[in-house]
C-alpha atoms as a PDB file:
ATOM      1  CA  MET A   1      10.869  -8.646 -12.546  1.00  0.00           C
ATOM      2  CA  THR A   2       9.114 -11.907 -13.354  1.00  0.00           C
ATOM      3  CA  ASN A   3       7.532 -12.399 -16.770  1.00  0.00           C
ATOM      4  CA  LEU A   4       4.054 -10.912 -16.841  1.00  0.00           C
ATOM      5  CA  THR A   5       1.204 -12.194 -18.979  1.00  0.00           C
ATOM      6  CA  LEU A   6      -0.824  -9.197 -20.109  1.00  0.00           C
ATOM      7  CA  PRO A   7      -4.578  -9.470 -20.758  1.00  0.00           C
ATOM      8  CA  TRP A   8      -4.298  -7.859 -24.205  1.00  0.00           C
ATOM      9  CA  GLU A   9      -1.944 -10.491 -25.602  1.00  0.00           C
ATOM     10  CA  GLY A  10      -3.419 -12.070 -28.723  1.00  0.00           C
ATOM     11  CA  MET A  11      -6.164  -9.454 -29.118  1.00  0.00           C
ATOM     12  CA  PRO A  12      -6.408  -8.008 -32.651  1.00  0.00           C
ATOM     13  CA  GLU A  13      -6.740  -4.282 -33.292  1.00  0.00           C
ATOM     14  CA  SER A  14     -10.115  -2.688 -32.544  1.00  0.00           C
ATOM     15  CA  SER A  15     -11.444  -5.505 -30.371  1.00  0.00           C
ATOM     16  CA  ARG A  16     -12.794  -6.021 -26.890  1.00  0.00           C
ATOM     17  CA  ARG A  17     -13.164  -8.888 -24.439  1.00  0.00           C
ATOM     18  CA  ARG A  18     -15.351  -8.867 -21.376  1.00  0.00           C
ATOM     19  CA  ILE A  19     -13.524  -9.214 -18.056  1.00  0.00           C
ATOM     20  CA  SER A  20     -15.082 -12.448 -16.848  1.00  0.00           C
ATOM     21  CA  THR A  21     -14.382 -11.968 -13.146  1.00  0.00           C
ATOM     22  CA  ILE A  22     -16.723  -8.958 -13.045  1.00  0.00           C
ATOM     23  CA  THR A  23     -20.365 -10.029 -13.154  1.00  0.00           C
ATOM     24  CA  ASN A  24     -22.253  -6.976 -11.879  1.00  0.00           C
ATOM     25  CA  HIS A  25     -20.854  -4.393 -14.301  1.00  0.00           C
ATOM     26  CA  ASN A  26     -19.828  -4.150 -17.947  1.00  0.00           C
ATOM     27  CA  VAL A  27     -16.046  -3.899 -18.090  1.00  0.00           C
ATOM     28  CA  TYR A  28     -13.848  -4.916 -21.016  1.00  0.00           C
ATOM     29  CA  TRP A  29     -10.248  -5.307 -22.097  1.00  0.00           C
ATOM     30  CA  ILE A  30      -9.944  -3.404 -25.375  1.00  0.00           C
ATOM     31  CA  THR A  31      -7.599  -2.484 -28.200  1.00  0.00           C
ATOM     32  CA  ASP A  32      -8.206   0.481 -30.503  1.00  0.00           C
ATOM     33  CA  LEU A  33      -7.635   0.972 -34.232  1.00  0.00           C
ATOM     34  CA  GLU A  34      -3.985   1.778 -33.577  1.00  0.00           C
ATOM     35  CA  GLY A  35      -3.534  -1.370 -31.509  1.00  0.00           C
ATOM     36  CA  ARG A  36      -3.270   0.497 -28.212  1.00  0.00           C
ATOM     37  CA  CYS A  37      -4.348  -1.568 -25.219  1.00  0.00           C
ATOM     38  CA  GLY A  38      -6.899  -0.322 -22.742  1.00  0.00           C
ATOM     39  CA  ILE A  39      -9.811  -0.892 -20.407  1.00  0.00           C
ATOM     40  CA  PHE A  40     -13.424   0.121 -21.052  1.00  0.00           C
ATOM     41  CA  ILE A  41     -15.782   0.689 -18.120  1.00  0.00           C
ATOM     42  CA  LYS A  42     -19.426   1.139 -19.053  1.00  0.00           C
ATOM     43  CA  SER A  43     -21.828   2.956 -16.743  1.00  0.00           C
ATOM     44  CA  ARG A  44     -25.518   2.002 -16.772  1.00  0.00           C
ATOM     45  CA  SER A  45     -26.439   5.684 -16.884  1.00  0.00           C
ATOM     46  CA  GLU A  46     -25.002   8.823 -18.434  1.00  0.00           C
ATOM     47  CA  PHE A  47     -22.473  10.865 -16.495  1.00  0.00           C
ATOM     48  CA  ALA A  48     -23.790  14.111 -15.039  1.00  0.00           C
ATOM     49  CA  ASN A  49     -20.446  15.659 -15.957  1.00  0.00           C
ATOM     50  CA  VAL A  50     -18.047  14.299 -18.552  1.00  0.00           C
ATOM     51  CA  LYS A  51     -15.264  16.690 -17.583  1.00  0.00           C
ATOM     52  CA  THR A  52     -12.474  15.239 -15.469  1.00  0.00           C
ATOM     53  CA  SER A  53      -9.402  16.719 -13.832  1.00  0.00           C
ATOM     54  CA  ILE A  54      -7.651  13.341 -13.756  1.00  0.00           C
ATOM     55  CA  SER A  55      -4.530  13.153 -15.903  1.00  0.00           C
ATOM     56  CA  LEU A  56      -2.285  10.093 -16.056  1.00  0.00           C
ATOM     57  CA  ASN A  57       1.073  10.406 -17.767  1.00  0.00           C
ATOM     58  CA  GLY A  58       1.218   8.233 -20.887  1.00  0.00           C
ATOM     59  CA  ILE A  59      -2.446   7.227 -20.652  1.00  0.00           C
ATOM     60  CA  ASP A  60      -5.394   8.726 -22.534  1.00  0.00           C
ATOM     61  CA  LEU A  61      -8.483   8.957 -20.350  1.00  0.00           C
ATOM     62  CA  ILE A  62     -11.803   9.362 -22.154  1.00  0.00           C
ATOM     63  CA  LYS A  63     -15.020  10.105 -20.284  1.00  0.00           C
ATOM     64  CA  ARG A  64     -18.117  10.467 -22.442  1.00  0.00           C
ATOM     65  CA  ASN A  65     -21.818   9.713 -22.759  1.00  0.00           C
ATOM     66  CA  SER A  66     -23.351   7.476 -25.415  1.00  0.00           C
ATOM     67  CA  THR A  67     -27.114   6.885 -25.839  1.00  0.00           C
ATOM     68  CA  GLY A  68     -28.115   6.578 -22.224  1.00  0.00           C
ATOM     69  CA  THR A  69     -24.868   5.139 -20.903  1.00  0.00           C
ATOM     70  CA  GLY A  70     -21.547   6.503 -19.750  1.00  0.00           C
ATOM     71  CA  GLU A  71     -18.184   5.340 -21.036  1.00  0.00           C
ATOM     72  CA  LEU A  72     -14.886   5.567 -19.189  1.00  0.00           C
ATOM     73  CA  ILE A  73     -11.948   4.457 -21.316  1.00  0.00           C
ATOM     74  CA  LEU A  74      -8.239   4.268 -20.539  1.00  0.00           C
ATOM     75  CA  LEU A  75      -5.793   3.744 -23.420  1.00  0.00           C
ATOM     76  CA  LEU A  76      -2.055   3.204 -23.059  1.00  0.00           C
ATOM     77  CA  ASN A  77       0.139   5.200 -25.444  1.00  0.00           C
ATOM     78  CA  ASP A  78       3.408   3.260 -25.150  1.00  0.00           C
ATOM     79  CA  ILE A  79       3.468  -0.536 -24.801  1.00  0.00           C
ATOM     80  CA  LYS A  80       6.690  -0.389 -22.761  1.00  0.00           C
ATOM     81  CA  ASP A  81       4.564   0.993 -19.914  1.00  0.00           C
ATOM     82  CA  ALA A  82       2.200  -1.997 -20.069  1.00  0.00           C
ATOM     83  CA  PRO A  83       3.278  -3.498 -16.693  1.00  0.00           C
ATOM     84  CA  ILE A  84       2.349  -0.381 -14.700  1.00  0.00           C
ATOM     85  CA  PHE A  85      -0.789   0.140 -16.821  1.00  0.00           C
ATOM     86  CA  ASN A  86      -1.813  -3.436 -16.078  1.00  0.00           C
ATOM     87  CA  LYS A  87      -1.249  -2.721 -12.373  1.00  0.00           C
ATOM     88  CA  ILE A  88      -3.567   0.288 -12.586  1.00  0.00           C
ATOM     89  CA  CYS A  89      -6.216  -1.773 -14.384  1.00  0.00           C
ATOM     90  CA  GLU A  90      -6.008  -4.544 -11.773  1.00  0.00           C
ATOM     91  CA  ASP A  91      -6.472  -1.946  -9.046  1.00  0.00           C
ATOM     92  CA  LEU A  92      -9.541  -0.537 -10.824  1.00  0.00           C
ATOM     93  CA  ILE A  93     -10.987  -4.031 -11.227  1.00  0.00           C
ATOM     94  CA  SER A  94     -10.466  -4.631  -7.521  1.00  0.00           C
ATOM     95  CA  SER A  95     -12.465  -1.487  -6.768  1.00  0.00           C
ATOM     96  CA  ILE A  96     -15.214  -2.342  -9.265  1.00  0.00           C
ATOM     97  CA  GLU A  97     -15.712  -5.791  -7.747  1.00  0.00           C
ATOM     98  CA  GLN A  98     -16.411  -4.225  -4.365  1.00  0.00           C
ATOM     99  CA  HIS A  99     -19.458  -2.246  -5.550  1.00  0.00           C
ATOM    100  CA  GLU A 100     -22.897  -3.514  -6.522  1.00  0.00           C
ATOM    101  CA  ASN A 101     -24.316  -0.042  -7.144  1.00  0.00           C
ATOM    102  CA  ASN A 102     -23.432   1.568 -10.482  1.00  0.00           C
ATOM    103  CA  ASP A 103     -22.882   5.108  -9.171  1.00  0.00           C
ATOM    104  CA  ALA A 104     -20.782   3.864  -6.247  1.00  0.00           C
ATOM    105  CA  MET A 105     -18.715   1.821  -8.699  1.00  0.00           C
ATOM    106  CA  ILE A 106     -17.944   4.856 -10.872  1.00  0.00           C
ATOM    107  CA  ILE A 107     -17.089   6.981  -7.844  1.00  0.00           C
ATOM    108  CA  GLY A 108     -14.794   4.224  -6.573  1.00  0.00           C
ATOM    109  CA  VAL A 109     -13.002   4.032  -9.925  1.00  0.00           C
ATOM    110  CA  GLU A 110     -12.455   7.789 -10.051  1.00  0.00           C
ATOM    111  CA  VAL A 111     -11.125   7.812  -6.489  1.00  0.00           C
ATOM    112  CA  ARG A 112      -8.613   5.111  -7.444  1.00  0.00           C
ATOM    113  CA  LEU A 113      -7.617   7.049 -10.562  1.00  0.00           C
ATOM    114  CA  GLN A 114      -7.048  10.190  -8.505  1.00  0.00           C
ATOM    115  CA  ARG A 115      -4.799   8.174  -6.204  1.00  0.00           C
ATOM    116  CA  TRP A 116      -2.829   6.841  -9.165  1.00  0.00           C
ATOM    117  CA  GLN A 117      -2.526  10.368 -10.534  1.00  0.00           C
ATOM    118  CA  GLU A 118      -0.923  11.410  -7.255  1.00  0.00           C
ATOM    119  CA  LEU A 119       1.413   8.414  -7.197  1.00  0.00           C
ATOM    120  CA  LEU A 120       2.516   8.812 -10.807  1.00  0.00           C
ATOM    121  CA  ARG A 121       3.055  12.544 -10.419  1.00  0.00           C
ATOM    122  CA  LYS A 122       5.343  11.909  -7.478  1.00  0.00           C
ATOM    123  CA  GLY A 123       6.846   9.164  -9.567  1.00  0.00           C
ATOM    124  CA  HIS A 124       8.908   8.244  -6.512  1.00  0.00           C
ATOM    125  CA  SER A 125      11.700   9.128  -8.970  1.00  0.00           C
ATOM    126  CA  ASN A 126      11.098   5.487  -9.943  1.00  0.00           C
ATOM    127  CA  VAL A 127      13.013   4.766  -6.735  1.00  0.00           C
ATOM    128  CA  MET A 128      11.715   3.836  -3.298  1.00  0.00           C
ATOM    129  CA  SER A 129      14.131   5.434  -0.827  1.00  0.00           C
ATOM    130  CA  VAL A 130      16.174   3.170   1.443  1.00  0.00           C
ATOM    131  CA  GLU A 131      14.461   4.707   4.479  1.00  0.00           C
ATOM    132  CA  LEU A 132      11.015   3.984   3.055  1.00  0.00           C
ATOM    133  CA  GLN A 133      12.088   0.427   2.216  1.00  0.00           C
ATOM    134  CA  MET A 134      13.373  -0.039   5.780  1.00  0.00           C
ATOM    135  CA  GLY A 135      10.045   1.105   7.191  1.00  0.00           C
ATOM    136  CA  LEU A 136       7.947  -1.108   4.934  1.00  0.00           C
ATOM    137  CA  PHE A 137      10.299  -4.064   5.375  1.00  0.00           C
ATOM    138  CA  SER A 138       9.992  -3.862   9.164  1.00  0.00           C
ATOM    139  CA  GLU A 139       6.209  -3.509   9.173  1.00  0.00           C
ATOM    140  CA  LEU A 140       5.817  -6.460   6.805  1.00  0.00           C
ATOM    141  CA  VAL A 141       8.199  -8.653   8.813  1.00  0.00           C
ATOM    142  CA  PHE A 142       6.228  -7.878  11.969  1.00  0.00           C
ATOM    143  CA  LEU A 143       3.009  -8.698  10.113  1.00  0.00           C
ATOM    144  CA  LYS A 144       4.304 -11.968   8.654  1.00  0.00           C
ATOM    145  CA  ASP A 145       6.574 -13.377  11.352  1.00  0.00           C
ATOM    146  CA  TYR A 146       4.630 -12.309  14.416  1.00  0.00           C
ATOM    147  CA  LEU A 147       1.036 -11.262  13.784  1.00  0.00           C
ATOM    148  CA  SER A 148       0.085 -13.926  11.237  1.00  0.00           C
ATOM    149  CA  ARG A 149       1.093 -16.582  13.781  1.00  0.00           C
ATOM    150  CA  GLU A 150      -0.633 -14.982  16.743  1.00  0.00           C
ATOM    151  CA  LEU A 151      -3.818 -14.098  14.828  1.00  0.00           C
ATOM    152  CA  ASN A 152      -4.186 -15.158  11.196  1.00  0.00           C
ATOM    153  CA  ILE A 153      -3.008 -13.577   7.973  1.00  0.00           C
ATOM    154  CA  GLU A 154      -6.368 -11.913   7.250  1.00  0.00           C
ATOM    155  CA  SER A 155      -6.623 -10.320  10.686  1.00  0.00           C
ATOM    156  CA  ALA A 156      -2.978  -9.269  10.499  1.00  0.00           C
ATOM    157  CA  ILE A 157      -3.541  -7.414   7.227  1.00  0.00           C
ATOM    158  CA  ILE A 158      -6.715  -5.742   8.478  1.00  0.00           C
ATOM    159  CA  SER A 159      -4.821  -4.547  11.571  1.00  0.00           C
ATOM    160  CA  TRP A 160      -2.119  -2.921   9.408  1.00  0.00           C
ATOM    161  CA  VAL A 161      -3.244   0.717   9.278  1.00  0.00           C
ATOM    162  CA  GLY A 162       0.093   2.452   8.665  1.00  0.00           C
ATOM    163  CA  PRO A 163      -0.476   2.783   4.882  1.00  0.00           C
ATOM    164  CA  GLU A 164      -3.802   4.468   5.633  1.00  0.00           C
ATOM    165  CA  PHE A 165      -1.905   7.327   7.281  1.00  0.00           C
ATOM    166  CA  ASP A 166      -3.046   6.445  10.782  1.00  0.00           C
ATOM    167  CA  LYS A 167      -1.054   7.718  13.777  1.00  0.00           C
ATOM    168  CA  GLN A 168       0.386   4.260  14.477  1.00  0.00           C
ATOM    169  CA  ASP A 169       1.071   1.222  12.287  1.00  0.00           C
ATOM    170  CA  PHE A 170      -1.096  -1.573  13.742  1.00  0.00           C
ATOM    171  CA  LEU A 171      -4.435  -1.342  15.497  1.00  0.00           C
ATOM    172  CA  PHE A 172      -5.983  -4.200  17.495  1.00  0.00           C
ATOM    173  CA  ASP A 173      -8.997  -4.470  19.775  1.00  0.00           C
ATOM    174  CA  SER A 174      -6.762  -4.593  22.836  1.00  0.00           C
ATOM    175  CA  ALA A 175      -3.570  -2.771  21.825  1.00  0.00           C
ATOM    176  CA  ILE A 176      -1.803  -0.440  19.395  1.00  0.00           C
ATOM    177  CA  VAL A 177       1.657  -0.966  17.888  1.00  0.00           C
ATOM    178  CA  GLU A 178       4.112   1.459  16.325  1.00  0.00           C
ATOM    179  CA  VAL A 179       6.955  -0.114  14.303  1.00  0.00           C
ATOM    180  CA  LYS A 180      10.313   1.591  13.847  1.00  0.00           C
ATOM    181  CA  SER A 181      13.543   0.613  12.107  1.00  0.00           C
ATOM    182  CA  TYR A 182      17.092   1.903  12.412  1.00  0.00           C
ATOM    183  CA  ARG A 183      20.501   1.234  10.901  1.00  0.00           C
ATOM    184  CA  THR A 184      22.444  -0.970  13.304  1.00  0.00           C
ATOM    185  CA  SER A 185      25.717   0.740  12.377  1.00  0.00           C
ATOM    186  CA  LYS A 186      24.407   4.053  13.721  1.00  0.00           C
ATOM    187  CA  GLY A 187      23.268   2.730  17.082  1.00  0.00           C
ATOM    188  CA  GLN A 188      19.806   2.013  18.471  1.00  0.00           C
ATOM    189  CA  LEU A 189      18.401   5.389  17.498  1.00  0.00           C
ATOM    190  CA  VAL A 190      14.814   5.690  16.259  1.00  0.00           C
ATOM    191  CA  ASP A 191      13.218   8.845  14.916  1.00  0.00           C
ATOM    192  CA  ILE A 192       9.769   9.902  16.134  1.00  0.00           C
ATOM    193  CA  SER A 193       8.087  12.162  13.591  1.00  0.00           C
ATOM    194  CA  SER A 194       5.201  13.606  15.609  1.00  0.00           C
ATOM    195  CA  LYS A 195       3.886  13.972  19.146  1.00  0.00           C
ATOM    196  CA  GLN A 196       1.011  11.595  18.265  1.00  0.00           C
ATOM    197  CA  GLN A 197       3.184   8.612  17.311  1.00  0.00           C
ATOM    198  CA  LEU A 198       3.855   7.555  20.890  1.00  0.00           C
ATOM    199  CA  TYR A 199       0.504   8.620  22.315  1.00  0.00           C
ATOM    200  CA  SER A 200      -2.946   7.116  21.978  1.00  0.00           C
ATOM    201  CA  GLU A 201      -6.264   7.433  23.753  1.00  0.00           C
ATOM    202  CA  LYS A 202      -6.433   3.668  23.436  1.00  0.00           C
ATOM    203  CA  GLN A 203      -4.108   1.680  25.686  1.00  0.00           C
ATOM    204  CA  PRO A 204      -1.840  -0.193  25.814  1.00  0.00           C
ATOM    205  CA  LEU A 205       0.610   1.150  23.245  1.00  0.00           C
ATOM    206  CA  PHE A 206       3.752  -0.735  22.204  1.00  0.00           C
ATOM    207  CA  LEU A 207       6.844   0.124  20.193  1.00  0.00           C
ATOM    208  CA  VAL A 208       8.463  -2.609  18.073  1.00  0.00           C
ATOM    209  CA  THR A 209      11.923  -1.883  16.693  1.00  0.00           C
ATOM    210  CA  PHE A 210      14.114  -3.579  14.099  1.00  0.00           C
ATOM    211  CA  GLY A 211      17.857  -3.021  13.811  1.00  0.00           C
ATOM    212  CA  LEU A 212      18.797  -3.541  10.156  1.00  0.00           C
ATOM    213  CA  THR A 213      22.007  -3.918   8.185  1.00  0.00           C
ATOM    214  CA  ARG A 214      22.029  -3.421   4.456  1.00  0.00           C
ATOM    215  CA  SER A 215      23.302  -6.564   2.728  1.00  0.00           C
ATOM    216  CA  GLU A 216      23.084  -8.263  -0.656  1.00  0.00           C
ATOM    217  CA  ALA A 217      22.632 -11.510   1.284  1.00  0.00           C
ATOM    218  CA  GLY A 218      19.578 -10.155   3.084  1.00  0.00           C
ATOM    219  CA  GLN A 219      15.906 -10.196   2.191  1.00  0.00           C
ATOM    220  CA  THR A 220      14.226  -7.367   0.317  1.00  0.00           C
ATOM    221  CA  VAL A 221      10.783  -5.827   0.609  1.00  0.00           C
ATOM    222  CA  GLU A 222       9.925  -7.741  -2.561  1.00  0.00           C
ATOM    223  CA  ASP A 223      10.912 -11.034  -0.899  1.00  0.00           C
ATOM    224  CA  ILE A 224       8.696 -10.389   2.132  1.00  0.00           C
ATOM    225  CA  VAL A 225       5.766  -9.341  -0.065  1.00  0.00           C
ATOM    226  CA  SER A 226       6.111 -12.593  -2.034  1.00  0.00           C
ATOM    227  CA  GLU A 227       6.054 -14.641   1.175  1.00  0.00           C
ATOM    228  CA  ILE A 228       2.918 -12.858   2.379  1.00  0.00           C
ATOM    229  CA  LEU A 229       1.249 -13.394  -0.999  1.00  0.00           C
ATOM    230  CA  GLU A 230       1.910 -17.125  -0.600  1.00  0.00           C
ATOM    231  CA  LEU A 231       0.160 -17.040   2.774  1.00  0.00           C
ATOM    232  CA  LEU A 232      -2.745 -15.238   1.115  1.00  0.00           C
ATOM    233  CA  ALA A 233      -3.120 -17.783  -1.697  1.00  0.00           C
ATOM    234  CA  PRO A 234      -5.856 -19.832   0.039  1.00  0.00           C
ATOM    235  CA  VAL A 235      -7.527 -16.735   1.513  1.00  0.00           C
ATOM    236  CA  SER A 236     -10.299 -14.566   0.045  1.00  0.00           C
ATOM    237  CA  LYS A 237      -9.557 -12.361  -2.958  1.00  0.00           C
ATOM    238  CA  LEU A 238     -10.915  -9.390  -1.016  1.00  0.00           C
ATOM    239  CA  THR A 239      -8.107  -9.705   1.543  1.00  0.00           C
ATOM    240  CA  LEU A 240      -5.571  -9.930  -1.279  1.00  0.00           C
ATOM    241  CA  ASP A 241      -7.017  -6.775  -2.843  1.00  0.00           C
ATOM    242  CA  VAL A 242      -6.871  -4.971   0.502  1.00  0.00           C
ATOM    243  CA  PHE A 243      -3.217  -5.958   0.917  1.00  0.00           C
ATOM    244  CA  ASN A 244      -2.285  -4.816  -2.590  1.00  0.00           C
ATOM    245  CA  THR A 245      -4.060  -1.491  -2.078  1.00  0.00           C
ATOM    246  CA  LYS A 246      -2.172  -0.905   1.167  1.00  0.00           C
ATOM    247  CA  LEU A 247       1.132  -1.642  -0.570  1.00  0.00           C
ATOM    248  CA  ILE A 248       0.312   0.886  -3.281  1.00  0.00           C
ATOM    249  CA  ASN A 249      -0.655   3.486  -0.688  1.00  0.00           C
ATOM    250  CA  TYR A 250       2.682   2.902   1.047  1.00  0.00           C
ATOM    251  CA  GLY A 251       4.465   3.603  -2.231  1.00  0.00           C
ATOM    252  CA  TYR A 252       5.406   0.023  -3.115  1.00  0.00           C
ATOM    253  CA  ILE A 253       4.897  -0.233  -6.880  1.00  0.00           C
ATOM    254  CA  PRO A 254       7.505  -2.660  -8.246  1.00  0.00           C
ATOM    255  CA  GLU A 255       6.348  -1.985 -11.804  1.00  0.00           C
ATOM    256  CA  LEU A 256       7.789   1.538 -11.435  1.00  0.00           C
ATOM    257  CA  LYS A 257      11.185   0.613 -10.046  1.00  0.00           C
ATOM    258  CA  ASN A 258      14.285   1.014 -12.187  1.00  0.00           C
ATOM    259  CA  GLU A 259      16.759  -0.581  -9.773  1.00  0.00           C
ATOM    260  CA  PRO A 260      16.665  -3.601  -7.427  1.00  0.00           C
ATOM    261  CA  TYR A 261      15.254  -3.311  -3.933  1.00  0.00           C
ATOM    262  CA  VAL A 262      17.752  -3.218  -1.077  1.00  0.00           C
ATOM    263  CA  GLY A 263      18.440  -6.357   0.969  1.00  0.00           C
ATOM    264  CA  PHE A 264      18.369  -6.213   4.767  1.00  0.00           C
ATOM    265  CA  ILE A 265      19.555  -8.468   7.579  1.00  0.00           C
ATOM    266  CA  ILE A 266      17.686  -8.168  10.885  1.00  0.00           C
ATOM    267  CA  ASP A 267      20.233  -7.778  13.683  1.00  0.00           C
ATOM    268  CA  LYS A 268      17.918  -7.085  16.587  1.00  0.00           C
ATOM    269  CA  THR A 269      14.187  -7.001  17.324  1.00  0.00           C
ATOM    270  CA  ARG A 270      12.910  -5.381  20.513  1.00  0.00           C
ATOM    271  CA  PHE A 271       9.525  -4.680  22.071  1.00  0.00           C
ATOM    272  CA  PHE A 272       8.761  -1.783  24.414  1.00  0.00           C
ATOM    273  CA  SER A 273       5.743  -0.822  26.481  1.00  0.00           C
ATOM    274  CA  ILE A 274       4.973   2.869  25.986  1.00  0.00           C
ATOM    275  CA  GLY A 275       3.538   4.187  29.192  1.00  0.00           C
ATOM    276  CA  GLU A 276       4.370   6.144  32.306  1.00  0.00           C
ATOM    277  CA  GLY A 277       8.023   7.119  32.343  1.00  0.00           C
ATOM    278  CA  PHE A 278       8.867   6.181  28.751  1.00  0.00           C
ATOM    279  CA  PRO A 279      10.967   8.967  27.175  1.00  0.00           C
ATOM    280  CA  ARG A 280       8.698  10.937  24.862  1.00  0.00           C
ATOM    281  CA  ILE A 281       7.686  14.531  24.226  1.00  0.00           C
ATOM    282  CA  PRO A 282       4.673  15.553  26.385  1.00  0.00           C
ATOM    283  CA  PHE A 283       1.429  15.474  24.456  1.00  0.00           C
ATOM    284  CA  ASP A 284       0.197  18.773  25.875  1.00  0.00           C
ATOM    285  CA  ILE A 285       2.795  20.977  24.208  1.00  0.00           C
ATOM    286  CA  PRO A 286       1.775  24.526  23.171  1.00  0.00           C
ATOM    287  CA  LEU A 287      -0.756  24.590  20.338  1.00  0.00           C
ATOM    288  CA  GLU A 288       1.524  26.917  18.411  1.00  0.00           C
ATOM    289  CA  ILE A 289       3.911  23.989  17.838  1.00  0.00           C
ATOM    290  CA  VAL A 290       2.331  22.172  14.900  1.00  0.00           C
ATOM    291  CA  LYS A 291       5.213  19.943  13.819  1.00  0.00           C
ATOM    292  CA  LEU A 292       8.107  18.323  15.649  1.00  0.00           C
ATOM    293  CA  GLY A 293      10.439  15.347  15.573  1.00  0.00           C
ATOM    294  CA  TYR A 294      12.914  13.787  17.976  1.00  0.00           C
ATOM    295  CA  THR A 295      15.211  10.780  18.371  1.00  0.00           C
ATOM    296  CA  ILE A 296      15.165   8.127  21.106  1.00  0.00           C
ATOM    297  CA  ASP A 297      18.201   6.069  22.139  1.00  0.00           C
ATOM    298  CA  LEU A 298      16.785   2.586  22.718  1.00  0.00           C
ATOM    299  CA  SER A 299      19.957   1.415  24.434  1.00  0.00           C
ATOM    300  CA  LEU A 300      18.845   3.565  27.388  1.00  0.00           C
ATOM    301  CA  CYS A 301      15.295   2.170  27.456  1.00  0.00           C
ATOM    302  CA  ASN A 302      15.891  -1.314  28.868  1.00  0.00           C
ATOM    303  CA  ALA A 303      13.525  -0.674  31.781  1.00  0.00           C
ATOM    304  CA  PHE A 304      10.596  -0.528  29.352  1.00  0.00           C
ATOM    305  CA  GLU A 305      11.433  -3.636  27.313  1.00  0.00           C
ATOM    306  CA  VAL A 306       8.835  -6.414  27.140  1.00  0.00           C
ATOM    307  CA  THR A 307       8.206  -9.451  24.919  1.00  0.00           C
ATOM    308  CA  PHE A 308       5.883  -9.937  21.977  1.00  0.00           C
ATOM    309  CA  ASP A 309       3.523 -11.958  24.173  1.00  0.00           C
ATOM    310  CA  ASN A 310       2.856  -8.872  26.302  1.00  0.00           C
ATOM    311  CA  ILE A 311       1.052  -7.241  23.382  1.00  0.00           C
ATOM    312  CA  PHE A 312      -1.818  -9.732  23.547  1.00  0.00           C
ATOM    313  CA  THR A 313      -1.969 -10.388  27.297  1.00  0.00           C
END
């Protein structure tokens, strides 16, 4: 991991410094009497309820009222966890900057904290599975190498709805795209996890597939993220925040990893039109069947293959 400059560096014990990028709300970097680092979010009005069910491992969360105002304070217990704590704080700041209204700002912060509670409880065993890395790698490559050139990087990121738990991965005004990856060594076999994945009320629907080989000489998810961040450098901070939030929702939190990300080489990229005749489970299966999955052999689907240009024509 690259060296990270933390906002609390150089701050003495029991001090605070206003976060200058936030102009509409009172938010501060703080240290307490024990030298613990933290963030202090001040509400313009008292909280109706100071009780909270949010619990973050290794972080003290204080929610209290003080003479007409509310105070939400996060304090880190162990400095070795500062990188992930800083990531949480940056995510909260991103949410705060999106809200003018005080109550909406507090609600937004608590929603983000609940999401972090879920992520940290799962812990991802501090490891992002190879399968999850393959999926994210493929979606990001499609976003960077194809969509950002056809549209622009901002539109490409907005169209990426997979991390928001949508049925498919990319949604456009004129088309929908599902992205799948597979291990080249096991053949062109892609797994479909639900009846909805290859169906949509909106047409046309396309399937983009990436055949991958694991290799130390290949690129990692981290490499592709870095390249996209470079493309985002001259773009609005809001788009950057949206991208980072989507990565977190996907489960990409490099501050949590305890081993390097896997490298992949792309062996084959194919595009398919999903329509009449394409092999898929019928949508109108019995209602009693609430979950299903199946595998498609792409080597037998040549009749449905198209090019990338077909998606936007």
